[in-house]
Amino acid sequence: MLEADKVMFEIYRDARYTGKYHVVYFTELGEHNKEWEINRALDGEHFYDGFLRNWRKHEAKAIIVDFLRRLNDGAQLTPAQLEEELKEYLPAPAR
């Protein structure tokens, strides 16, 4: 899979201010917000990172939004559970 065919993302928890979980899609950042978003993610507590296939990425993003909602509502979810929900949208592991 070519680099252009993937969307790199990270889910993190804002431990400094709100305690809420957020997602940043690194490969979709523009120059005007790139540095700010990256610094914000670096300041947070890492939860999960990876790549989405560019094909059907909007469906995968909807899954992530719902997962974040559940986390922010207090559900005790794991990165493995997210990966299971996203499995058809993740690129095949490199061999």
PDB file of N, CA and C in Angstrom:
ATOM      1  N   MET A   1       0.844  -1.171   0.000  1.00  0.00           N
ATOM      2  CA  MET A   1       0.000   0.000   0.000  1.00  0.00           C
ATOM      3  C   MET A   1       0.893   1.239   0.000  1.00  0.00           C
ATOM      4  N   LEU A   2       0.643   2.154  -0.902  1.00  0.00           N
ATOM      5  CA  LEU A   2       1.418   3.371  -1.003  1.00  0.00           C
ATOM      6  C   LEU A   2       1.119   4.302   0.159  1.00  0.00           C
ATOM      7  N   GLU A   3       2.101   5.126   0.513  1.00  0.00           N
ATOM      8  CA  GLU A   3       1.927   6.083   1.601  1.00  0.00           C
ATOM      9  C   GLU A   3       0.721   6.988   1.368  1.00  0.00           C
ATOM     10  N   ALA A   4       0.489   7.382   0.117  1.00  0.00           N
ATOM     11  CA  ALA A   4      -0.629   8.267  -0.208  1.00  0.00           C
ATOM     12  C   ALA A   4      -1.981   7.583  -0.037  1.00  0.00           C
ATOM     13  N   ASP A   5      -1.985   6.280   0.068  1.00  0.00           N
ATOM     14  CA  ASP A   5      -3.232   5.537   0.217  1.00  0.00           C
ATOM     15  C   ASP A   5      -3.631   5.337   1.678  1.00  0.00           C
ATOM     16  N   LYS A   6      -2.907   5.989   2.600  1.00  0.00           N
ATOM     17  CA  LYS A   6      -3.171   5.807   4.025  1.00  0.00           C
ATOM     18  C   LYS A   6      -3.326   7.157   4.723  1.00  0.00           C
ATOM     19  N   VAL A   7      -4.081   7.134   5.802  1.00  0.00           N
ATOM     20  CA  VAL A   7      -4.256   8.302   6.656  1.00  0.00           C
ATOM     21  C   VAL A   7      -3.678   7.953   8.030  1.00  0.00           C
ATOM     22  N   MET A   8      -2.665   8.696   8.451  1.00  0.00           N
ATOM     23  CA  MET A   8      -2.034   8.470   9.755  1.00  0.00           C
ATOM     24  C   MET A   8      -2.814   9.238  10.824  1.00  0.00           C
ATOM     25  N   PHE A   9      -3.104   8.556  11.949  1.00  0.00           N
ATOM     26  CA  PHE A   9      -3.872   9.204  13.004  1.00  0.00           C
ATOM     27  C   PHE A   9      -3.397   8.780  14.383  1.00  0.00           C
ATOM     28  N   GLU A  10      -3.805   9.555  15.375  1.00  0.00           N
ATOM     29  CA  GLU A  10      -3.538   9.222  16.772  1.00  0.00           C
ATOM     30  C   GLU A  10      -4.739   9.631  17.614  1.00  0.00           C
ATOM     31  N   ILE A  11      -5.047   8.792  18.582  1.00  0.00           N
ATOM     32  CA  ILE A  11      -6.048   9.114  19.591  1.00  0.00           C
ATOM     33  C   ILE A  11      -5.289   9.328  20.892  1.00  0.00           C
ATOM     34  N   TYR A  12      -5.601  10.424  21.552  1.00  0.00           N
ATOM     35  CA  TYR A  12      -4.926  10.768  22.793  1.00  0.00           C
ATOM     36  C   TYR A  12      -5.929  11.381  23.768  1.00  0.00           C
ATOM     37  N   ARG A  13      -5.523  11.418  25.030  1.00  0.00           N
ATOM     38  CA  ARG A  13      -6.348  12.016  26.073  1.00  0.00           C
ATOM     39  C   ARG A  13      -5.694  13.318  26.506  1.00  0.00           C
ATOM     40  N   ASP A  14      -6.468  14.379  26.537  1.00  0.00           N
ATOM     41  CA  ASP A  14      -5.989  15.677  26.998  1.00  0.00           C
ATOM     42  C   ASP A  14      -5.943  15.638  28.524  1.00  0.00           C
ATOM     43  N   ALA A  15      -4.797  15.288  29.061  1.00  0.00           N
ATOM     44  CA  ALA A  15      -4.656  15.133  30.503  1.00  0.00           C
ATOM     45  C   ALA A  15      -4.455  16.464  31.210  1.00  0.00           C
ATOM     46  N   ARG A  16      -4.090  17.478  30.469  1.00  0.00           N
ATOM     47  CA  ARG A  16      -3.768  18.772  31.071  1.00  0.00           C
ATOM     48  C   ARG A  16      -5.009  19.588  31.414  1.00  0.00           C
ATOM     49  N   TYR A  17      -6.008  19.610  30.553  1.00  0.00           N
ATOM     50  CA  TYR A  17      -7.147  20.509  30.751  1.00  0.00           C
ATOM     51  C   TYR A  17      -8.472  19.783  30.934  1.00  0.00           C
ATOM     52  N   THR A  18      -8.942  19.124  29.889  1.00  0.00           N
ATOM     53  CA  THR A  18     -10.306  18.596  29.912  1.00  0.00           C
ATOM     54  C   THR A  18     -10.416  17.131  30.295  1.00  0.00           C
ATOM     55  N   GLY A  19      -9.365  16.357  30.106  1.00  0.00           N
ATOM     56  CA  GLY A  19      -9.432  14.923  30.346  1.00  0.00           C
ATOM     57  C   GLY A  19     -10.163  14.170  29.248  1.00  0.00           C
ATOM     58  N   LYS A  20     -10.543  14.860  28.187  1.00  0.00           N
ATOM     59  CA  LYS A  20     -11.287  14.251  27.078  1.00  0.00           C
ATOM     60  C   LYS A  20     -10.342  13.625  26.063  1.00  0.00           C
ATOM     61  N   TYR A  21     -10.865  12.644  25.346  1.00  0.00           N
ATOM     62  CA  TYR A  21     -10.126  11.981  24.275  1.00  0.00           C
ATOM     63  C   TYR A  21     -10.370  12.714  22.957  1.00  0.00           C
ATOM     64  N   HIS A  22      -9.327  12.778  22.142  1.00  0.00           N
ATOM     65  CA  HIS A  22      -9.378  13.455  20.846  1.00  0.00           C
ATOM     66  C   HIS A  22      -8.659  12.600  19.808  1.00  0.00           C
ATOM     67  N   VAL A  23      -8.906  12.913  18.554  1.00  0.00           N
ATOM     68  CA  VAL A  23      -8.189  12.269  17.455  1.00  0.00           C
ATOM     69  C   VAL A  23      -7.581  13.361  16.590  1.00  0.00           C
ATOM     70  N   VAL A  24      -6.416  13.073  16.059  1.00  0.00           N
ATOM     71  CA  VAL A  24      -5.786  13.958  15.080  1.00  0.00           C
ATOM     72  C   VAL A  24      -5.388  13.093  13.887  1.00  0.00           C
ATOM     73  N   TYR A  25      -5.720  13.575  12.698  1.00  0.00           N
ATOM     74  CA  TYR A  25      -5.368  12.892  11.454  1.00  0.00           C
ATOM     75  C   TYR A  25      -4.175  13.647  10.868  1.00  0.00           C
ATOM     76  N   PHE A  26      -2.975  13.177  11.182  1.00  0.00           N
ATOM     77  CA  PHE A  26      -1.746  13.894  10.842  1.00  0.00           C
ATOM     78  C   PHE A  26      -1.603  14.172   9.352  1.00  0.00           C
ATOM     79  N   THR A  27      -1.915  13.199   8.524  1.00  0.00           N
ATOM     80  CA  THR A  27      -1.701  13.361   7.086  1.00  0.00           C
ATOM     81  C   THR A  27      -2.731  14.279   6.443  1.00  0.00           C
ATOM     82  N   GLU A  28      -3.707  14.752   7.208  1.00  0.00           N
ATOM     83  CA  GLU A  28      -4.710  15.663   6.663  1.00  0.00           C
ATOM     84  C   GLU A  28      -4.567  17.085   7.216  1.00  0.00           C
ATOM     85  N   LEU A  29      -3.517  17.326   7.978  1.00  0.00           N
ATOM     86  CA  LEU A  29      -3.311  18.655   8.546  1.00  0.00           C
ATOM     87  C   LEU A  29      -2.778  19.604   7.493  1.00  0.00           C
ATOM     88  N   GLY A  30      -3.212  20.848   7.579  1.00  0.00           N
ATOM     89  CA  GLY A  30      -2.698  21.889   6.704  1.00  0.00           C
ATOM     90  C   GLY A  30      -1.590  22.649   7.403  1.00  0.00           C
ATOM     91  N   GLU A  31      -0.892  23.464   6.675  1.00  0.00           N
ATOM     92  CA  GLU A  31       0.203  24.234   7.248  1.00  0.00           C
ATOM     93  C   GLU A  31      -0.268  25.173   8.352  1.00  0.00           C
ATOM     94  N   HIS A  32      -1.492  25.669   8.274  1.00  0.00           N
ATOM     95  CA  HIS A  32      -1.985  26.627   9.259  1.00  0.00           C
ATOM     96  C   HIS A  32      -2.247  26.010  10.639  1.00  0.00           C
ATOM     97  N   ASN A  33      -2.474  24.697  10.724  1.00  0.00           N
ATOM     98  CA  ASN A  33      -2.778  24.085  12.016  1.00  0.00           C
ATOM     99  C   ASN A  33      -1.864  22.920  12.378  1.00  0.00           C
ATOM    100  N   LYS A  34      -0.922  22.604  11.529  1.00  0.00           N
ATOM    101  CA  LYS A  34      -0.077  21.426  11.711  1.00  0.00           C
ATOM    102  C   LYS A  34       0.684  21.450  13.040  1.00  0.00           C
ATOM    103  N   GLU A  35       1.443  22.490  13.286  1.00  0.00           N
ATOM    104  CA  GLU A  35       2.279  22.559  14.487  1.00  0.00           C
ATOM    105  C   GLU A  35       1.436  22.516  15.759  1.00  0.00           C
ATOM    106  N   TRP A  36       0.334  23.287  15.776  1.00  0.00           N
ATOM    107  CA  TRP A  36      -0.520  23.338  16.960  1.00  0.00           C
ATOM    108  C   TRP A  36      -1.125  21.968  17.266  1.00  0.00           C
ATOM    109  N   GLU A  37      -1.658  21.294  16.261  1.00  0.00           N
ATOM    110  CA  GLU A  37      -2.297  19.985  16.462  1.00  0.00           C
ATOM    111  C   GLU A  37      -1.282  18.926  16.901  1.00  0.00           C
ATOM    112  N   ILE A  38      -0.110  18.943  16.295  1.00  0.00           N
ATOM    113  CA  ILE A  38       0.928  17.973  16.676  1.00  0.00           C
ATOM    114  C   ILE A  38       1.361  18.199  18.121  1.00  0.00           C
ATOM    115  N   ASN A  39       1.594  19.451  18.496  1.00  0.00           N
ATOM    116  CA  ASN A  39       1.993  19.754  19.877  1.00  0.00           C
ATOM    117  C   ASN A  39       0.914  19.365  20.872  1.00  0.00           C
ATOM    118  N   ARG A  40      -0.318  19.580  20.515  1.00  0.00           N
ATOM    119  CA  ARG A  40      -1.438  19.207  21.380  1.00  0.00           C
ATOM    120  C   ARG A  40      -1.477  17.697  21.595  1.00  0.00           C
ATOM    121  N   ALA A  41      -1.275  16.937  20.529  1.00  0.00           N
ATOM    122  CA  ALA A  41      -1.256  15.476  20.648  1.00  0.00           C
ATOM    123  C   ALA A  41      -0.059  15.009  21.466  1.00  0.00           C
ATOM    124  N   LEU A  42       1.095  15.629  21.266  1.00  0.00           N
ATOM    125  CA  LEU A  42       2.290  15.254  22.017  1.00  0.00           C
ATOM    126  C   LEU A  42       2.139  15.526  23.510  1.00  0.00           C
ATOM    127  N   ASP A  43       1.390  16.567  23.865  1.00  0.00           N
ATOM    128  CA  ASP A  43       1.149  16.893  25.276  1.00  0.00           C
ATOM    129  C   ASP A  43       0.168  15.935  25.929  1.00  0.00           C
ATOM    130  N   GLY A  44      -0.623  15.227  25.129  1.00  0.00           N
ATOM    131  CA  GLY A  44      -1.646  14.332  25.666  1.00  0.00           C
ATOM    132  C   GLY A  44      -1.101  12.963  26.013  1.00  0.00           C
ATOM    133  N   GLU A  45      -1.968  12.150  26.594  1.00  0.00           N
ATOM    134  CA  GLU A  45      -1.642  10.759  26.915  1.00  0.00           C
ATOM    135  C   GLU A  45      -2.045   9.885  25.731  1.00  0.00           C
ATOM    136  N   HIS A  46      -1.079   9.194  25.166  1.00  0.00           N
ATOM    137  CA  HIS A  46      -1.309   8.355  23.997  1.00  0.00           C
ATOM    138  C   HIS A  46      -2.304   7.242  24.323  1.00  0.00           C
ATOM    139  N   PHE A  47      -3.243   7.007  23.412  1.00  0.00           N
ATOM    140  CA  PHE A  47      -4.185   5.897  23.545  1.00  0.00           C
ATOM    141  C   PHE A  47      -4.002   4.897  22.404  1.00  0.00           C
ATOM    142  N   TYR A  48      -3.958   5.397  21.161  1.00  0.00           N
ATOM    143  CA  TYR A  48      -3.844   4.511  19.997  1.00  0.00           C
ATOM    144  C   TYR A  48      -3.356   5.334  18.813  1.00  0.00           C
ATOM    145  N   ASP A  49      -2.542   4.718  17.977  1.00  0.00           N
ATOM    146  CA  ASP A  49      -2.163   5.366  16.718  1.00  0.00           C
ATOM    147  C   ASP A  49      -2.062   4.315  15.635  1.00  0.00           C
ATOM    148  N   GLY A  50      -2.178   4.779  14.423  1.00  0.00           N
ATOM    149  CA  GLY A  50      -2.092   3.856  13.305  1.00  0.00           C
ATOM    150  C   GLY A  50      -2.425   4.536  11.997  1.00  0.00           C
ATOM    151  N   PHE A  51      -2.787   3.719  11.041  1.00  0.00           N
ATOM    152  CA  PHE A  51      -3.134   4.190   9.704  1.00  0.00           C
ATOM    153  C   PHE A  51      -4.498   3.632   9.322  1.00  0.00           C
ATOM    154  N   LEU A  52      -5.223   4.422   8.562  1.00  0.00           N
ATOM    155  CA  LEU A  52      -6.471   3.972   7.956  1.00  0.00           C
ATOM    156  C   LEU A  52      -6.262   3.880   6.457  1.00  0.00           C
ATOM    157  N   ARG A  53      -6.909   2.931   5.837  1.00  0.00           N
ATOM    158  CA  ARG A  53      -6.930   2.923   4.377  1.00  0.00           C
ATOM    159  C   ARG A  53      -7.653   4.177   3.921  1.00  0.00           C
ATOM    160  N   ASN A  54      -7.144   4.817   2.904  1.00  0.00           N
ATOM    161  CA  ASN A  54      -7.788   6.020   2.386  1.00  0.00           C
ATOM    162  C   ASN A  54      -9.179   5.697   1.826  1.00  0.00           C
ATOM    163  N   TRP A  55      -9.305   4.495   1.259  1.00  0.00           N
ATOM    164  CA  TRP A  55     -10.572   4.031   0.719  1.00  0.00           C
ATOM    165  C   TRP A  55     -11.537   3.784   1.875  1.00  0.00           C
ATOM    166  N   ARG A  56     -12.702   4.393   1.852  1.00  0.00           N
ATOM    167  CA  ARG A  56     -13.737   4.269   2.879  1.00  0.00           C
ATOM    168  C   ARG A  56     -13.311   4.869   4.225  1.00  0.00           C
ATOM    169  N   LYS A  57     -12.399   5.836   4.174  1.00  0.00           N
ATOM    170  CA  LYS A  57     -11.911   6.428   5.418  1.00  0.00           C
ATOM    171  C   LYS A  57     -13.019   7.141   6.185  1.00  0.00           C
ATOM    172  N   HIS A  58     -14.028   7.634   5.487  1.00  0.00           N
ATOM    173  CA  HIS A  58     -15.117   8.333   6.176  1.00  0.00           C
ATOM    174  C   HIS A  58     -15.903   7.378   7.070  1.00  0.00           C
ATOM    175  N   GLU A  59     -16.043   6.142   6.666  1.00  0.00           N
ATOM    176  CA  GLU A  59     -16.703   5.140   7.508  1.00  0.00           C
ATOM    177  C   GLU A  59     -15.854   4.854   8.747  1.00  0.00           C
ATOM    178  N   ALA A  60     -14.549   4.752   8.550  1.00  0.00           N
ATOM    179  CA  ALA A  60     -13.639   4.501   9.671  1.00  0.00           C
ATOM    180  C   ALA A  60     -13.651   5.676  10.643  1.00  0.00           C
ATOM    181  N   LYS A  61     -13.685   6.884  10.109  1.00  0.00           N
ATOM    182  CA  LYS A  61     -13.722   8.068  10.971  1.00  0.00           C
ATOM    183  C   LYS A  61     -15.006   8.107  11.794  1.00  0.00           C
ATOM    184  N   ALA A  62     -16.112   7.656  11.235  1.00  0.00           N
ATOM    185  CA  ALA A  62     -17.370   7.598  11.982  1.00  0.00           C
ATOM    186  C   ALA A  62     -17.249   6.617  13.150  1.00  0.00           C
ATOM    187  N   ILE A  63     -16.561   5.513  12.940  1.00  0.00           N
ATOM    188  CA  ILE A  63     -16.327   4.544  14.016  1.00  0.00           C
ATOM    189  C   ILE A  63     -15.484   5.187  15.109  1.00  0.00           C
ATOM    190  N   ILE A  64     -14.462   5.924  14.712  1.00  0.00           N
ATOM    191  CA  ILE A  64     -13.591   6.596  15.683  1.00  0.00           C
ATOM    192  C   ILE A  64     -14.375   7.640  16.476  1.00  0.00           C
ATOM    193  N   VAL A  65     -15.200   8.423  15.808  1.00  0.00           N
ATOM    194  CA  VAL A  65     -16.013   9.433  16.500  1.00  0.00           C
ATOM    195  C   VAL A  65     -16.901   8.766  17.552  1.00  0.00           C
ATOM    196  N   ASP A  66     -17.537   7.668  17.194  1.00  0.00           N
ATOM    197  CA  ASP A  66     -18.393   6.957  18.147  1.00  0.00           C
ATOM    198  C   ASP A  66     -17.569   6.390  19.297  1.00  0.00           C
ATOM    199  N   PHE A  67     -16.395   5.856  19.003  1.00  0.00           N
ATOM    200  CA  PHE A  67     -15.519   5.299  20.031  1.00  0.00           C
ATOM    201  C   PHE A  67     -15.102   6.405  21.006  1.00  0.00           C
ATOM    202  N   LEU A  68     -14.732   7.572  20.475  1.00  0.00           N
ATOM    203  CA  LEU A  68     -14.352   8.707  21.326  1.00  0.00           C
ATOM    204  C   LEU A  68     -15.525   9.150  22.199  1.00  0.00           C
ATOM    205  N   ARG A  69     -16.715   9.166  21.627  1.00  0.00           N
ATOM    206  CA  ARG A  69     -17.896   9.544  22.404  1.00  0.00           C
ATOM    207  C   ARG A  69     -18.065   8.612  23.593  1.00  0.00           C
ATOM    208  N   ARG A  70     -17.926   7.318  23.334  1.00  0.00           N
ATOM    209  CA  ARG A  70     -18.079   6.344  24.423  1.00  0.00           C
ATOM    210  C   ARG A  70     -16.985   6.512  25.478  1.00  0.00           C
ATOM    211  N   LEU A  71     -15.733   6.717  25.038  1.00  0.00           N
ATOM    212  CA  LEU A  71     -14.648   6.955  25.987  1.00  0.00           C
ATOM    213  C   LEU A  71     -14.936   8.196  26.834  1.00  0.00           C
ATOM    214  N   ASN A  72     -15.341   9.271  26.177  1.00  0.00           N
ATOM    215  CA  ASN A  72     -15.599  10.517  26.882  1.00  0.00           C
ATOM    216  C   ASN A  72     -16.839  10.461  27.764  1.00  0.00           C
ATOM    217  N   ASP A  73     -17.709   9.490  27.513  1.00  0.00           N
ATOM    218  CA  ASP A  73     -18.869   9.263  28.384  1.00  0.00           C
ATOM    219  C   ASP A  73     -18.534   8.344  29.557  1.00  0.00           C
ATOM    220  N   GLY A  74     -17.263   7.907  29.626  1.00  0.00           N
ATOM    221  CA  GLY A  74     -16.817   7.114  30.767  1.00  0.00           C
ATOM    222  C   GLY A  74     -16.679   5.629  30.537  1.00  0.00           C
ATOM    223  N   ALA A  75     -16.922   5.156  29.328  1.00  0.00           N
ATOM    224  CA  ALA A  75     -16.770   3.722  29.051  1.00  0.00           C
ATOM    225  C   ALA A  75     -15.306   3.318  29.206  1.00  0.00           C
ATOM    226  N   GLN A  76     -15.091   2.155  29.766  1.00  0.00           N
ATOM    227  CA  GLN A  76     -13.738   1.620  29.938  1.00  0.00           C
ATOM    228  C   GLN A  76     -13.399   0.763  28.718  1.00  0.00           C
ATOM    229  N   LEU A  77     -12.854   1.395  27.701  1.00  0.00           N
ATOM    230  CA  LEU A  77     -12.531   0.725  26.442  1.00  0.00           C
ATOM    231  C   LEU A  77     -11.031   0.625  26.285  1.00  0.00           C
ATOM    232  N   THR A  78     -10.605  -0.340  25.471  1.00  0.00           N
ATOM    233  CA  THR A  78      -9.174  -0.567  25.273  1.00  0.00           C
ATOM    234  C   THR A  78      -8.788  -0.305  23.815  1.00  0.00           C
ATOM    235  N   PRO A  79      -7.497  -0.073  23.586  1.00  0.00           N
ATOM    236  CA  PRO A  79      -7.036   0.049  22.209  1.00  0.00           C
ATOM    237  C   PRO A  79      -7.343  -1.196  21.369  1.00  0.00           C
ATOM    238  N   ALA A  80      -7.292  -2.362  21.974  1.00  0.00           N
ATOM    239  CA  ALA A  80      -7.600  -3.598  21.242  1.00  0.00           C
ATOM    240  C   ALA A  80      -9.054  -3.607  20.764  1.00  0.00           C
ATOM    241  N   GLN A  81      -9.954  -3.046  21.548  1.00  0.00           N
ATOM    242  CA  GLN A  81     -11.357  -2.976  21.140  1.00  0.00           C
ATOM    243  C   GLN A  81     -11.524  -2.037  19.945  1.00  0.00           C
ATOM    244  N   LEU A  82     -10.807  -0.924  19.963  1.00  0.00           N
ATOM    245  CA  LEU A  82     -10.855  -0.008  18.822  1.00  0.00           C
ATOM    246  C   LEU A  82     -10.314  -0.697  17.580  1.00  0.00           C
ATOM    247  N   GLU A  83      -9.188  -1.357  17.715  1.00  0.00           N
ATOM    248  CA  GLU A  83      -8.588  -2.049  16.573  1.00  0.00           C
ATOM    249  C   GLU A  83      -9.546  -3.094  15.998  1.00  0.00           C
ATOM    250  N   GLU A  84     -10.259  -3.780  16.844  1.00  0.00           N
ATOM    251  CA  GLU A  84     -11.231  -4.771  16.378  1.00  0.00           C
ATOM    252  C   GLU A  84     -12.349  -4.092  15.581  1.00  0.00           C
ATOM    253  N   GLU A  85     -12.822  -2.931  16.063  1.00  0.00           N
ATOM    254  CA  GLU A  85     -13.879  -2.223  15.355  1.00  0.00           C
ATOM    255  C   GLU A  85     -13.393  -1.660  14.018  1.00  0.00           C
ATOM    256  N   LEU A  86     -12.108  -1.361  13.929  1.00  0.00           N
ATOM    257  CA  LEU A  86     -11.542  -0.763  12.709  1.00  0.00           C
ATOM    258  C   LEU A  86     -10.895  -1.768  11.763  1.00  0.00           C
ATOM    259  N   LYS A  87     -10.896  -3.029  12.105  1.00  0.00           N
ATOM    260  CA  LYS A  87     -10.073  -4.012  11.391  1.00  0.00           C
ATOM    261  C   LYS A  87     -10.237  -3.994   9.869  1.00  0.00           C
ATOM    262  N   GLU A  88     -11.417  -3.764   9.356  1.00  0.00           N
ATOM    263  CA  GLU A  88     -11.567  -3.781   7.893  1.00  0.00           C
ATOM    264  C   GLU A  88     -11.089  -2.488   7.250  1.00  0.00           C
ATOM    265  N   TYR A  89     -10.751  -1.484   8.047  1.00  0.00           N
ATOM    266  CA  TYR A  89     -10.282  -0.198   7.513  1.00  0.00           C
ATOM    267  C   TYR A  89      -8.784   0.008   7.696  1.00  0.00           C
ATOM    268  N   LEU A  90      -8.131  -0.933   8.371  1.00  0.00           N
ATOM    269  CA  LEU A  90      -6.692  -0.831   8.618  1.00  0.00           C
ATOM    270  C   LEU A  90      -5.921  -1.524   7.496  1.00  0.00           C
ATOM    271  N   PRO A  91      -4.775  -0.959   7.095  1.00  0.00           N
ATOM    272  CA  PRO A  91      -3.978  -1.631   6.077  1.00  0.00           C
ATOM    273  C   PRO A  91      -3.439  -2.957   6.602  1.00  0.00           C
ATOM    274  N   ALA A  92      -3.190  -3.869   5.696  1.00  0.00           N
ATOM    275  CA  ALA A  92      -2.613  -5.163   6.088  1.00  0.00           C
ATOM    276  C   ALA A  92      -1.212  -4.922   6.656  1.00  0.00           C
ATOM    277  N   PRO A  93      -0.834  -5.678   7.686  1.00  0.00           N
ATOM    278  CA  PRO A  93       0.509  -5.511   8.254  1.00  0.00           C
ATOM    279  C   PRO A  93       1.593  -5.784   7.211  1.00  0.00           C
ATOM    280  N   ALA A  94       2.695  -5.048   7.313  1.00  0.00           N
ATOM    281  CA  ALA A  94       3.825  -5.257   6.407  1.00  0.00           C
ATOM    282  C   ALA A  94       4.466  -6.600   6.711  1.00  0.00           C
ATOM    283  N   ARG A  95       4.928  -7.229   5.678  1.00  0.00           N
ATOM    284  CA  ARG A  95       5.579  -8.550   5.867  1.00  0.00           C
ATOM    285  C   ARG A  95       7.062  -8.421   5.821  1.00  0.00           C
TER     286      ARG A  95
END
